[in-house]
Amino acid sequence: MPEDDKQIRYIEHKLEHCPIPPGKTENYTFVEFLLFPGRTLEAKRKLYQGIVARLGRLGIQASDILIVLIEPTLENWGLRGQPASELDLGFRLDV
């Protein structure tokens, strides 16, 4: 992904609107990514491990972290008025 193309949203929910699942602590953290498909399983493993390591430095246990990747097909992304599947994105997805 290009360095200048990072769209990040951080949403914190009040506990009364998002209860903690059974067996989790008050540090329960749900991380969700919406991204183009194409990353290898190894790239995803590195992502998961990196997130857990970084959140661990904040005192969040691995058992309190849930990570979900949502990967709609390129046909379901509209960029510049065209499906992303018909565009040169300028970067590789198969990493």
PDB file of N, CA and C in Angstrom:
ATOM      1  N   MET A   1       0.847  -1.165   0.000  1.00  0.00           N
ATOM      2  CA  MET A   1       0.000   0.000   0.000  1.00  0.00           C
ATOM      3  C   MET A   1       0.895   1.231   0.000  1.00  0.00           C
ATOM      4  N   PRO A   2       0.572   2.190  -0.815  1.00  0.00           N
ATOM      5  CA  PRO A   2       1.373   3.414  -0.836  1.00  0.00           C
ATOM      6  C   PRO A   2       1.374   4.096   0.537  1.00  0.00           C
ATOM      7  N   GLU A   3       2.514   4.665   0.913  1.00  0.00           N
ATOM      8  CA  GLU A   3       2.662   5.306   2.221  1.00  0.00           C
ATOM      9  C   GLU A   3       1.634   6.408   2.462  1.00  0.00           C
ATOM     10  N   ASP A   4       1.241   7.127   1.418  1.00  0.00           N
ATOM     11  CA  ASP A   4       0.314   8.252   1.593  1.00  0.00           C
ATOM     12  C   ASP A   4      -1.157   7.842   1.469  1.00  0.00           C
ATOM     13  N   ASP A   5      -1.441   6.550   1.428  1.00  0.00           N
ATOM     14  CA  ASP A   5      -2.803   6.068   1.217  1.00  0.00           C
ATOM     15  C   ASP A   5      -3.279   5.234   2.404  1.00  0.00           C
ATOM     16  N   LYS A   6      -3.263   5.829   3.582  1.00  0.00           N
ATOM     17  CA  LYS A   6      -3.697   5.100   4.775  1.00  0.00           C
ATOM     18  C   LYS A   6      -4.970   5.737   5.305  1.00  0.00           C
ATOM     19  N   GLN A   7      -6.035   4.995   5.206  1.00  0.00           N
ATOM     20  CA  GLN A   7      -7.314   5.445   5.743  1.00  0.00           C
ATOM     21  C   GLN A   7      -7.585   4.631   6.989  1.00  0.00           C
ATOM     22  N   ILE A   8      -7.493   5.275   8.131  1.00  0.00           N
ATOM     23  CA  ILE A   8      -7.641   4.580   9.404  1.00  0.00           C
ATOM     24  C   ILE A   8      -8.776   5.221  10.191  1.00  0.00           C
ATOM     25  N   ARG A   9      -9.656   4.377  10.697  1.00  0.00           N
ATOM     26  CA  ARG A   9     -10.725   4.839  11.590  1.00  0.00           C
ATOM     27  C   ARG A   9     -10.573   4.120  12.919  1.00  0.00           C
ATOM     28  N   TYR A  10     -10.585   4.871  13.965  1.00  0.00           N
ATOM     29  CA  TYR A  10     -10.537   4.296  15.311  1.00  0.00           C
ATOM     30  C   TYR A  10     -11.876   4.597  15.947  1.00  0.00           C
ATOM     31  N   ILE A  11     -12.590   3.546  16.326  1.00  0.00           N
ATOM     32  CA  ILE A  11     -13.914   3.720  16.921  1.00  0.00           C
ATOM     33  C   ILE A  11     -13.922   3.040  18.279  1.00  0.00           C
ATOM     34  N   GLU A  12     -14.172   3.819  19.298  1.00  0.00           N
ATOM     35  CA  GLU A  12     -14.265   3.258  20.644  1.00  0.00           C
ATOM     36  C   GLU A  12     -15.725   3.261  21.049  1.00  0.00           C
ATOM     37  N   HIS A  13     -16.207   2.089  21.473  1.00  0.00           N
ATOM     38  CA  HIS A  13     -17.602   1.954  21.868  1.00  0.00           C
ATOM     39  C   HIS A  13     -17.723   1.964  23.386  1.00  0.00           C
ATOM     40  N   LYS A  14     -18.773   2.566  23.874  1.00  0.00           N
ATOM     41  CA  LYS A  14     -19.054   2.508  25.305  1.00  0.00           C
ATOM     42  C   LYS A  14     -19.409   1.071  25.664  1.00  0.00           C
ATOM     43  N   LEU A  15     -19.002   0.660  26.842  1.00  0.00           N
ATOM     44  CA  LEU A  15     -19.212  -0.714  27.269  1.00  0.00           C
ATOM     45  C   LEU A  15     -20.677  -1.131  27.180  1.00  0.00           C
ATOM     46  N   GLU A  16     -21.589  -0.220  27.505  1.00  0.00           N
ATOM     47  CA  GLU A  16     -23.016  -0.584  27.472  1.00  0.00           C
ATOM     48  C   GLU A  16     -23.527  -0.835  26.056  1.00  0.00           C
ATOM     49  N   HIS A  17     -22.788  -0.377  25.046  1.00  0.00           N
ATOM     50  CA  HIS A  17     -23.186  -0.591  23.651  1.00  0.00           C
ATOM     51  C   HIS A  17     -22.452  -1.767  23.000  1.00  0.00           C
ATOM     52  N   CYS A  18     -21.438  -2.258  23.658  1.00  0.00           N
ATOM     53  CA  CYS A  18     -20.625  -3.334  23.089  1.00  0.00           C
ATOM     54  C   CYS A  18     -20.116  -4.205  24.227  1.00  0.00           C
ATOM     55  N   PRO A  19     -20.945  -5.110  24.724  1.00  0.00           N
ATOM     56  CA  PRO A  19     -20.549  -5.921  25.878  1.00  0.00           C
ATOM     57  C   PRO A  19     -19.318  -6.783  25.591  1.00  0.00           C
ATOM     58  N   ILE A  20     -18.583  -7.065  26.638  1.00  0.00           N
ATOM     59  CA  ILE A  20     -17.388  -7.897  26.535  1.00  0.00           C
ATOM     60  C   ILE A  20     -17.814  -9.363  26.425  1.00  0.00           C
ATOM     61  N   PRO A  21     -17.272 -10.089  25.459  1.00  0.00           N
ATOM     62  CA  PRO A  21     -17.613 -11.509  25.315  1.00  0.00           C
ATOM     63  C   PRO A  21     -17.195 -12.312  26.558  1.00  0.00           C
ATOM     64  N   PRO A  22     -17.872 -13.403  26.826  1.00  0.00           N
ATOM     65  CA  PRO A  22     -17.509 -14.255  27.966  1.00  0.00           C
ATOM     66  C   PRO A  22     -16.043 -14.689  27.879  1.00  0.00           C
ATOM     67  N   GLY A  23     -15.357 -14.682  28.998  1.00  0.00           N
ATOM     68  CA  GLY A  23     -13.972 -15.119  29.050  1.00  0.00           C
ATOM     69  C   GLY A  23     -12.953 -14.063  28.676  1.00  0.00           C
ATOM     70  N   LYS A  24     -13.407 -12.866  28.335  1.00  0.00           N
ATOM     71  CA  LYS A  24     -12.505 -11.777  27.960  1.00  0.00           C
ATOM     72  C   LYS A  24     -12.446 -10.755  29.101  1.00  0.00           C
ATOM     73  N   THR A  25     -11.414  -9.914  29.091  1.00  0.00           N
ATOM     74  CA  THR A  25     -11.279  -8.893  30.126  1.00  0.00           C
ATOM     75  C   THR A  25     -11.768  -7.548  29.601  1.00  0.00           C
ATOM     76  N   GLU A  26     -11.653  -6.537  30.456  1.00  0.00           N
ATOM     77  CA  GLU A  26     -12.065  -5.180  30.057  1.00  0.00           C
ATOM     78  C   GLU A  26     -11.161  -4.617  28.961  1.00  0.00           C
ATOM     79  N   ASN A  27     -10.068  -5.315  28.645  1.00  0.00           N
ATOM     80  CA  ASN A  27      -9.167  -4.891  27.562  1.00  0.00           C
ATOM     81  C   ASN A  27      -9.510  -5.538  26.218  1.00  0.00           C
ATOM     82  N   TYR A  28     -10.638  -6.225  26.147  1.00  0.00           N
ATOM     83  CA  TYR A  28     -11.040  -6.875  24.894  1.00  0.00           C
ATOM     84  C   TYR A  28     -10.954  -5.874  23.749  1.00  0.00           C
ATOM     85  N   THR A  29     -10.275  -6.278  22.684  1.00  0.00           N
ATOM     86  CA  THR A  29     -10.054  -5.391  21.541  1.00  0.00           C
ATOM     87  C   THR A  29     -10.404  -6.131  20.253  1.00  0.00           C
ATOM     88  N   PHE A  30     -11.295  -5.529  19.473  1.00  0.00           N
ATOM     89  CA  PHE A  30     -11.720  -6.082  18.182  1.00  0.00           C
ATOM     90  C   PHE A  30     -11.103  -5.202  17.104  1.00  0.00           C
ATOM     91  N   VAL A  31     -10.302  -5.818  16.226  1.00  0.00           N
ATOM     92  CA  VAL A  31      -9.627  -5.094  15.152  1.00  0.00           C
ATOM     93  C   VAL A  31     -10.182  -5.613  13.829  1.00  0.00           C
ATOM     94  N   GLU A  32     -10.661  -4.692  12.999  1.00  0.00           N
ATOM     95  CA  GLU A  32     -11.267  -5.079  11.727  1.00  0.00           C
ATOM     96  C   GLU A  32     -10.596  -4.300  10.602  1.00  0.00           C
ATOM     97  N   PHE A  33     -10.225  -5.009   9.545  1.00  0.00           N
ATOM     98  CA  PHE A  33      -9.616  -4.405   8.365  1.00  0.00           C
ATOM     99  C   PHE A  33     -10.524  -4.622   7.161  1.00  0.00           C
ATOM    100  N   LEU A  34     -10.732  -3.586   6.382  1.00  0.00           N
ATOM    101  CA  LEU A  34     -11.401  -3.691   5.090  1.00  0.00           C
ATOM    102  C   LEU A  34     -10.306  -3.459   4.053  1.00  0.00           C
ATOM    103  N   LEU A  35     -10.008  -4.475   3.241  1.00  0.00           N
ATOM    104  CA  LEU A  35      -8.865  -4.368   2.355  1.00  0.00           C
ATOM    105  C   LEU A  35      -9.083  -5.120   1.055  1.00  0.00           C
ATOM    106  N   PHE A  36      -8.262  -4.760   0.058  1.00  0.00           N
ATOM    107  CA  PHE A  36      -8.281  -5.486  -1.196  1.00  0.00           C
ATOM    108  C   PHE A  36      -7.847  -6.921  -0.935  1.00  0.00           C
ATOM    109  N   PRO A  37      -8.417  -7.895  -1.647  1.00  0.00           N
ATOM    110  CA  PRO A  37      -7.977  -9.285  -1.500  1.00  0.00           C
ATOM    111  C   PRO A  37      -6.634  -9.505  -2.185  1.00  0.00           C
ATOM    112  N   GLY A  38      -5.969 -10.576  -1.808  1.00  0.00           N
ATOM    113  CA  GLY A  38      -4.758 -10.963  -2.517  1.00  0.00           C
ATOM    114  C   GLY A  38      -3.564 -11.259  -1.642  1.00  0.00           C
ATOM    115  N   ARG A  39      -3.591 -10.852  -0.356  1.00  0.00           N
ATOM    116  CA  ARG A  39      -2.445 -11.129   0.514  1.00  0.00           C
ATOM    117  C   ARG A  39      -2.342 -12.620   0.791  1.00  0.00           C
ATOM    118  N   THR A  40      -1.119 -13.073   0.921  1.00  0.00           N
ATOM    119  CA  THR A  40      -0.889 -14.491   1.214  1.00  0.00           C
ATOM    120  C   THR A  40      -1.208 -14.772   2.680  1.00  0.00           C
ATOM    121  N   LEU A  41      -1.367 -16.042   2.994  1.00  0.00           N
ATOM    122  CA  LEU A  41      -1.585 -16.444   4.374  1.00  0.00           C
ATOM    123  C   LEU A  41      -0.399 -16.026   5.236  1.00  0.00           C
ATOM    124  N   GLU A  42       0.802 -16.124   4.710  1.00  0.00           N
ATOM    125  CA  GLU A  42       1.993 -15.722   5.477  1.00  0.00           C
ATOM    126  C   GLU A  42       1.959 -14.221   5.784  1.00  0.00           C
ATOM    127  N   ALA A  43       1.548 -13.395   4.838  1.00  0.00           N
ATOM    128  CA  ALA A  43       1.433 -11.959   5.094  1.00  0.00           C
ATOM    129  C   ALA A  43       0.393 -11.688   6.175  1.00  0.00           C
ATOM    130  N   LYS A  44      -0.697 -12.438   6.142  1.00  0.00           N
ATOM    131  CA  LYS A  44      -1.737 -12.274   7.159  1.00  0.00           C
ATOM    132  C   LYS A  44      -1.236 -12.718   8.533  1.00  0.00           C
ATOM    133  N   ARG A  45      -0.489 -13.806   8.575  1.00  0.00           N
ATOM    134  CA  ARG A  45       0.093 -14.258   9.847  1.00  0.00           C
ATOM    135  C   ARG A  45       0.972 -13.163  10.446  1.00  0.00           C
ATOM    136  N   LYS A  46       1.810 -12.563   9.605  1.00  0.00           N
ATOM    137  CA  LYS A  46       2.696 -11.488  10.081  1.00  0.00           C
ATOM    138  C   LYS A  46       1.880 -10.300  10.593  1.00  0.00           C
ATOM    139  N   LEU A  47       0.796  -9.971   9.913  1.00  0.00           N
ATOM    140  CA  LEU A  47      -0.071  -8.885  10.355  1.00  0.00           C
ATOM    141  C   LEU A  47      -0.655  -9.206  11.726  1.00  0.00           C
ATOM    142  N   TYR A  48      -1.228 -10.398  11.875  1.00  0.00           N
ATOM    143  CA  TYR A  48      -1.827 -10.797  13.156  1.00  0.00           C
ATOM    144  C   TYR A  48      -0.795 -10.745  14.278  1.00  0.00           C
ATOM    145  N   GLN A  49       0.373 -11.308  14.022  1.00  0.00           N
ATOM    146  CA  GLN A  49       1.419 -11.343  15.041  1.00  0.00           C
ATOM    147  C   GLN A  49       1.896  -9.938  15.397  1.00  0.00           C
ATOM    148  N   GLY A  50       2.018  -9.071  14.400  1.00  0.00           N
ATOM    149  CA  GLY A  50       2.451  -7.699  14.649  1.00  0.00           C
ATOM    150  C   GLY A  50       1.442  -6.922  15.484  1.00  0.00           C
ATOM    151  N   ILE A  51       0.175  -7.101  15.190  1.00  0.00           N
ATOM    152  CA  ILE A  51      -0.869  -6.410  15.955  1.00  0.00           C
ATOM    153  C   ILE A  51      -0.872  -6.897  17.400  1.00  0.00           C
ATOM    154  N   VAL A  52      -0.807  -8.204  17.588  1.00  0.00           N
ATOM    155  CA  VAL A  52      -0.807  -8.757  18.947  1.00  0.00           C
ATOM    156  C   VAL A  52       0.428  -8.269  19.714  1.00  0.00           C
ATOM    157  N   ALA A  53       1.577  -8.232  19.064  1.00  0.00           N
ATOM    158  CA  ALA A  53       2.801  -7.766  19.732  1.00  0.00           C
ATOM    159  C   ALA A  53       2.673  -6.296  20.134  1.00  0.00           C
ATOM    160  N   ARG A  54       2.165  -5.462  19.239  1.00  0.00           N
ATOM    161  CA  ARG A  54       2.047  -4.030  19.543  1.00  0.00           C
ATOM    162  C   ARG A  54       1.002  -3.766  20.626  1.00  0.00           C
ATOM    163  N   LEU A  55      -0.122  -4.443  20.544  1.00  0.00           N
ATOM    164  CA  LEU A  55      -1.139  -4.266  21.586  1.00  0.00           C
ATOM    165  C   LEU A  55      -0.660  -4.857  22.912  1.00  0.00           C
ATOM    166  N   GLY A  56       0.169  -5.893  22.838  1.00  0.00           N
ATOM    167  CA  GLY A  56       0.736  -6.474  24.044  1.00  0.00           C
ATOM    168  C   GLY A  56       1.589  -5.469  24.806  1.00  0.00           C
ATOM    169  N   ARG A  57       2.278  -4.604  24.083  1.00  0.00           N
ATOM    170  CA  ARG A  57       3.083  -3.562  24.734  1.00  0.00           C
ATOM    171  C   ARG A  57       2.212  -2.554  25.475  1.00  0.00           C
ATOM    172  N   LEU A  58       0.931  -2.529  25.136  1.00  0.00           N
ATOM    173  CA  LEU A  58      -0.018  -1.650  25.834  1.00  0.00           C
ATOM    174  C   LEU A  58      -0.716  -2.383  26.978  1.00  0.00           C
ATOM    175  N   GLY A  59      -0.343  -3.630  27.192  1.00  0.00           N
ATOM    176  CA  GLY A  59      -0.930  -4.403  28.278  1.00  0.00           C
ATOM    177  C   GLY A  59      -2.142  -5.217  27.886  1.00  0.00           C
ATOM    178  N   ILE A  60      -2.402  -5.348  26.599  1.00  0.00           N
ATOM    179  CA  ILE A  60      -3.546  -6.135  26.132  1.00  0.00           C
ATOM    180  C   ILE A  60      -3.067  -7.548  25.814  1.00  0.00           C
ATOM    181  N   GLN A  61      -3.656  -8.526  26.447  1.00  0.00           N
ATOM    182  CA  GLN A  61      -3.268  -9.919  26.253  1.00  0.00           C
ATOM    183  C   GLN A  61      -3.744 -10.443  24.894  1.00  0.00           C
ATOM    184  N   ALA A  62      -2.998 -11.349  24.337  1.00  0.00           N
ATOM    185  CA  ALA A  62      -3.367 -11.952  23.047  1.00  0.00           C
ATOM    186  C   ALA A  62      -4.761 -12.563  23.102  1.00  0.00           C
ATOM    187  N   SER A  63      -5.128 -13.128  24.243  1.00  0.00           N
ATOM    188  CA  SER A  63      -6.443 -13.765  24.370  1.00  0.00           C
ATOM    189  C   SER A  63      -7.589 -12.754  24.356  1.00  0.00           C
ATOM    190  N   ASP A  64      -7.286 -11.478  24.473  1.00  0.00           N
ATOM    191  CA  ASP A  64      -8.300 -10.423  24.431  1.00  0.00           C
ATOM    192  C   ASP A  64      -8.381  -9.731  23.062  1.00  0.00           C
ATOM    193  N   ILE A  65      -7.682 -10.255  22.067  1.00  0.00           N
ATOM    194  CA  ILE A  65      -7.626  -9.611  20.752  1.00  0.00           C
ATOM    195  C   ILE A  65      -8.294 -10.490  19.707  1.00  0.00           C
ATOM    196  N   LEU A  66      -9.222  -9.894  18.967  1.00  0.00           N
ATOM    197  CA  LEU A  66      -9.866 -10.556  17.827  1.00  0.00           C
ATOM    198  C   LEU A  66      -9.595  -9.700  16.598  1.00  0.00           C
ATOM    199  N   ILE A  67      -9.060 -10.316  15.550  1.00  0.00           N
ATOM    200  CA  ILE A  67      -8.734  -9.611  14.307  1.00  0.00           C
ATOM    201  C   ILE A  67      -9.529 -10.248  13.179  1.00  0.00           C
ATOM    202  N   VAL A  68     -10.199  -9.417  12.397  1.00  0.00           N
ATOM    203  CA  VAL A  68     -10.990  -9.901  11.265  1.00  0.00           C
ATOM    204  C   VAL A  68     -10.580  -9.125  10.021  1.00  0.00           C
ATOM    205  N   LEU A  69     -10.314  -9.848   8.946  1.00  0.00           N
ATOM    206  CA  LEU A  69     -10.036  -9.229   7.649  1.00  0.00           C
ATOM    207  C   LEU A  69     -11.249  -9.394   6.756  1.00  0.00           C
ATOM    208  N   ILE A  70     -11.710  -8.303   6.194  1.00  0.00           N
ATOM    209  CA  ILE A  70     -12.831  -8.329   5.256  1.00  0.00           C
ATOM    210  C   ILE A  70     -12.254  -7.965   3.887  1.00  0.00           C
ATOM    211  N   GLU A  71     -12.394  -8.875   2.925  1.00  0.00           N
ATOM    212  CA  GLU A  71     -11.744  -8.715   1.627  1.00  0.00           C
ATOM    213  C   GLU A  71     -12.735  -8.803   0.468  1.00  0.00           C
ATOM    214  N   PRO A  72     -13.524  -7.761   0.241  1.00  0.00           N
ATOM    215  CA  PRO A  72     -14.423  -7.796  -0.917  1.00  0.00           C
ATOM    216  C   PRO A  72     -13.613  -7.911  -2.214  1.00  0.00           C
ATOM    217  N   THR A  73     -14.165  -8.588  -3.192  1.00  0.00           N
ATOM    218  CA  THR A  73     -13.467  -8.714  -4.474  1.00  0.00           C
ATOM    219  C   THR A  73     -13.238  -7.333  -5.080  1.00  0.00           C
ATOM    220  N   LEU A  74     -12.247  -7.250  -5.963  1.00  0.00           N
ATOM    221  CA  LEU A  74     -11.915  -5.962  -6.586  1.00  0.00           C
ATOM    222  C   LEU A  74     -13.082  -5.377  -7.373  1.00  0.00           C
ATOM    223  N   GLU A  75     -13.970  -6.236  -7.847  1.00  0.00           N
ATOM    224  CA  GLU A  75     -15.143  -5.736  -8.573  1.00  0.00           C
ATOM    225  C   GLU A  75     -16.053  -4.928  -7.647  1.00  0.00           C
ATOM    226  N   ASN A  76     -15.935  -5.142  -6.344  1.00  0.00           N
ATOM    227  CA  ASN A  76     -16.791  -4.458  -5.375  1.00  0.00           C
ATOM    228  C   ASN A  76     -16.160  -3.198  -4.793  1.00  0.00           C
ATOM    229  N   TRP A  77     -15.070  -2.749  -5.378  1.00  0.00           N
ATOM    230  CA  TRP A  77     -14.439  -1.485  -4.998  1.00  0.00           C
ATOM    231  C   TRP A  77     -14.545  -0.544  -6.199  1.00  0.00           C
ATOM    232  N   GLY A  78     -15.131   0.613  -6.010  1.00  0.00           N
ATOM    233  CA  GLY A  78     -15.228   1.589  -7.088  1.00  0.00           C
ATOM    234  C   GLY A  78     -14.218   2.700  -6.890  1.00  0.00           C
ATOM    235  N   LEU A  79     -13.311   2.849  -7.843  1.00  0.00           N
ATOM    236  CA  LEU A  79     -12.286   3.890  -7.780  1.00  0.00           C
ATOM    237  C   LEU A  79     -12.300   4.688  -9.077  1.00  0.00           C
ATOM    238  N   ARG A  80     -12.337   5.984  -8.945  1.00  0.00           N
ATOM    239  CA  ARG A  80     -12.313   6.871 -10.129  1.00  0.00           C
ATOM    240  C   ARG A  80     -13.403   6.504 -11.131  1.00  0.00           C
ATOM    241  N   GLY A  81     -14.540   6.007 -10.628  1.00  0.00           N
ATOM    242  CA  GLY A  81     -15.672   5.678 -11.482  1.00  0.00           C
ATOM    243  C   GLY A  81     -15.575   4.331 -12.171  1.00  0.00           C
ATOM    244  N   GLN A  82     -14.634   3.493 -11.765  1.00  0.00           N
ATOM    245  CA  GLN A  82     -14.461   2.183 -12.384  1.00  0.00           C
ATOM    246  C   GLN A  82     -14.254   1.126 -11.305  1.00  0.00           C
ATOM    247  N   PRO A  83     -14.548  -0.137 -11.631  1.00  0.00           N
ATOM    248  CA  PRO A  83     -14.220  -1.202 -10.691  1.00  0.00           C
ATOM    249  C   PRO A  83     -12.700  -1.301 -10.538  1.00  0.00           C
ATOM    250  N   ALA A  84     -12.229  -1.512  -9.328  1.00  0.00           N
ATOM    251  CA  ALA A  84     -10.789  -1.630  -9.088  1.00  0.00           C
ATOM    252  C   ALA A  84     -10.178  -2.767  -9.893  1.00  0.00           C
ATOM    253  N   SER A  85     -10.977  -3.765 -10.234  1.00  0.00           N
ATOM    254  CA  SER A  85     -10.484  -4.898 -11.025  1.00  0.00           C
ATOM    255  C   SER A  85     -10.048  -4.480 -12.425  1.00  0.00           C
ATOM    256  N   GLU A  86     -10.489  -3.308 -12.878  1.00  0.00           N
ATOM    257  CA  GLU A  86     -10.149  -2.832 -14.223  1.00  0.00           C
ATOM    258  C   GLU A  86      -9.069  -1.758 -14.204  1.00  0.00           C
ATOM    259  N   LEU A  87      -8.460  -1.524 -13.050  1.00  0.00           N
ATOM    260  CA  LEU A  87      -7.480  -0.453 -12.912  1.00  0.00           C
ATOM    261  C   LEU A  87      -6.114  -0.986 -12.505  1.00  0.00           C
ATOM    262  N   ASP A  88      -5.092  -0.239 -12.897  1.00  0.00           N
ATOM    263  CA  ASP A  88      -3.757  -0.498 -12.354  1.00  0.00           C
ATOM    264  C   ASP A  88      -3.693   0.254 -11.031  1.00  0.00           C
ATOM    265  N   LEU A  89      -3.633  -0.474  -9.949  1.00  0.00           N
ATOM    266  CA  LEU A  89      -3.663   0.137  -8.620  1.00  0.00           C
ATOM    267  C   LEU A  89      -2.331   0.757  -8.229  1.00  0.00           C
ATOM    268  N   GLY A  90      -1.276   0.393  -8.933  1.00  0.00           N
ATOM    269  CA  GLY A  90       0.028   0.959  -8.652  1.00  0.00           C
ATOM    270  C   GLY A  90       0.801   0.240  -7.563  1.00  0.00           C
ATOM    271  N   PHE A  91       0.254  -0.872  -7.082  1.00  0.00           N
ATOM    272  CA  PHE A  91       0.948  -1.673  -6.076  1.00  0.00           C
ATOM    273  C   PHE A  91       0.473  -3.106  -6.160  1.00  0.00           C
ATOM    274  N   ARG A  92       1.284  -4.018  -5.635  1.00  0.00           N
ATOM    275  CA  ARG A  92       0.958  -5.448  -5.680  1.00  0.00           C
ATOM    276  C   ARG A  92       0.057  -5.823  -4.529  1.00  0.00           C
ATOM    277  N   LEU A  93      -0.825  -6.755  -4.783  1.00  0.00           N
ATOM    278  CA  LEU A  93      -1.696  -7.299  -3.749  1.00  0.00           C
ATOM    279  C   LEU A  93      -1.260  -8.686  -3.297  1.00  0.00           C
ATOM    280  N   ASP A  94      -0.500  -9.365  -4.140  1.00  0.00           N
ATOM    281  CA  ASP A  94      -0.107 -10.751  -3.847  1.00  0.00           C
ATOM    282  C   ASP A  94       1.216 -10.782  -3.085  1.00  0.00           C
ATOM    283  N   VAL A  95       1.185 -10.260  -1.879  1.00  0.00           N
ATOM    284  CA  VAL A  95       2.396 -10.214  -1.047  1.00  0.00           C
ATOM    285  C   VAL A  95       2.254 -11.164   0.123  1.00  0.00           C
TER     286      VAL A  95
END
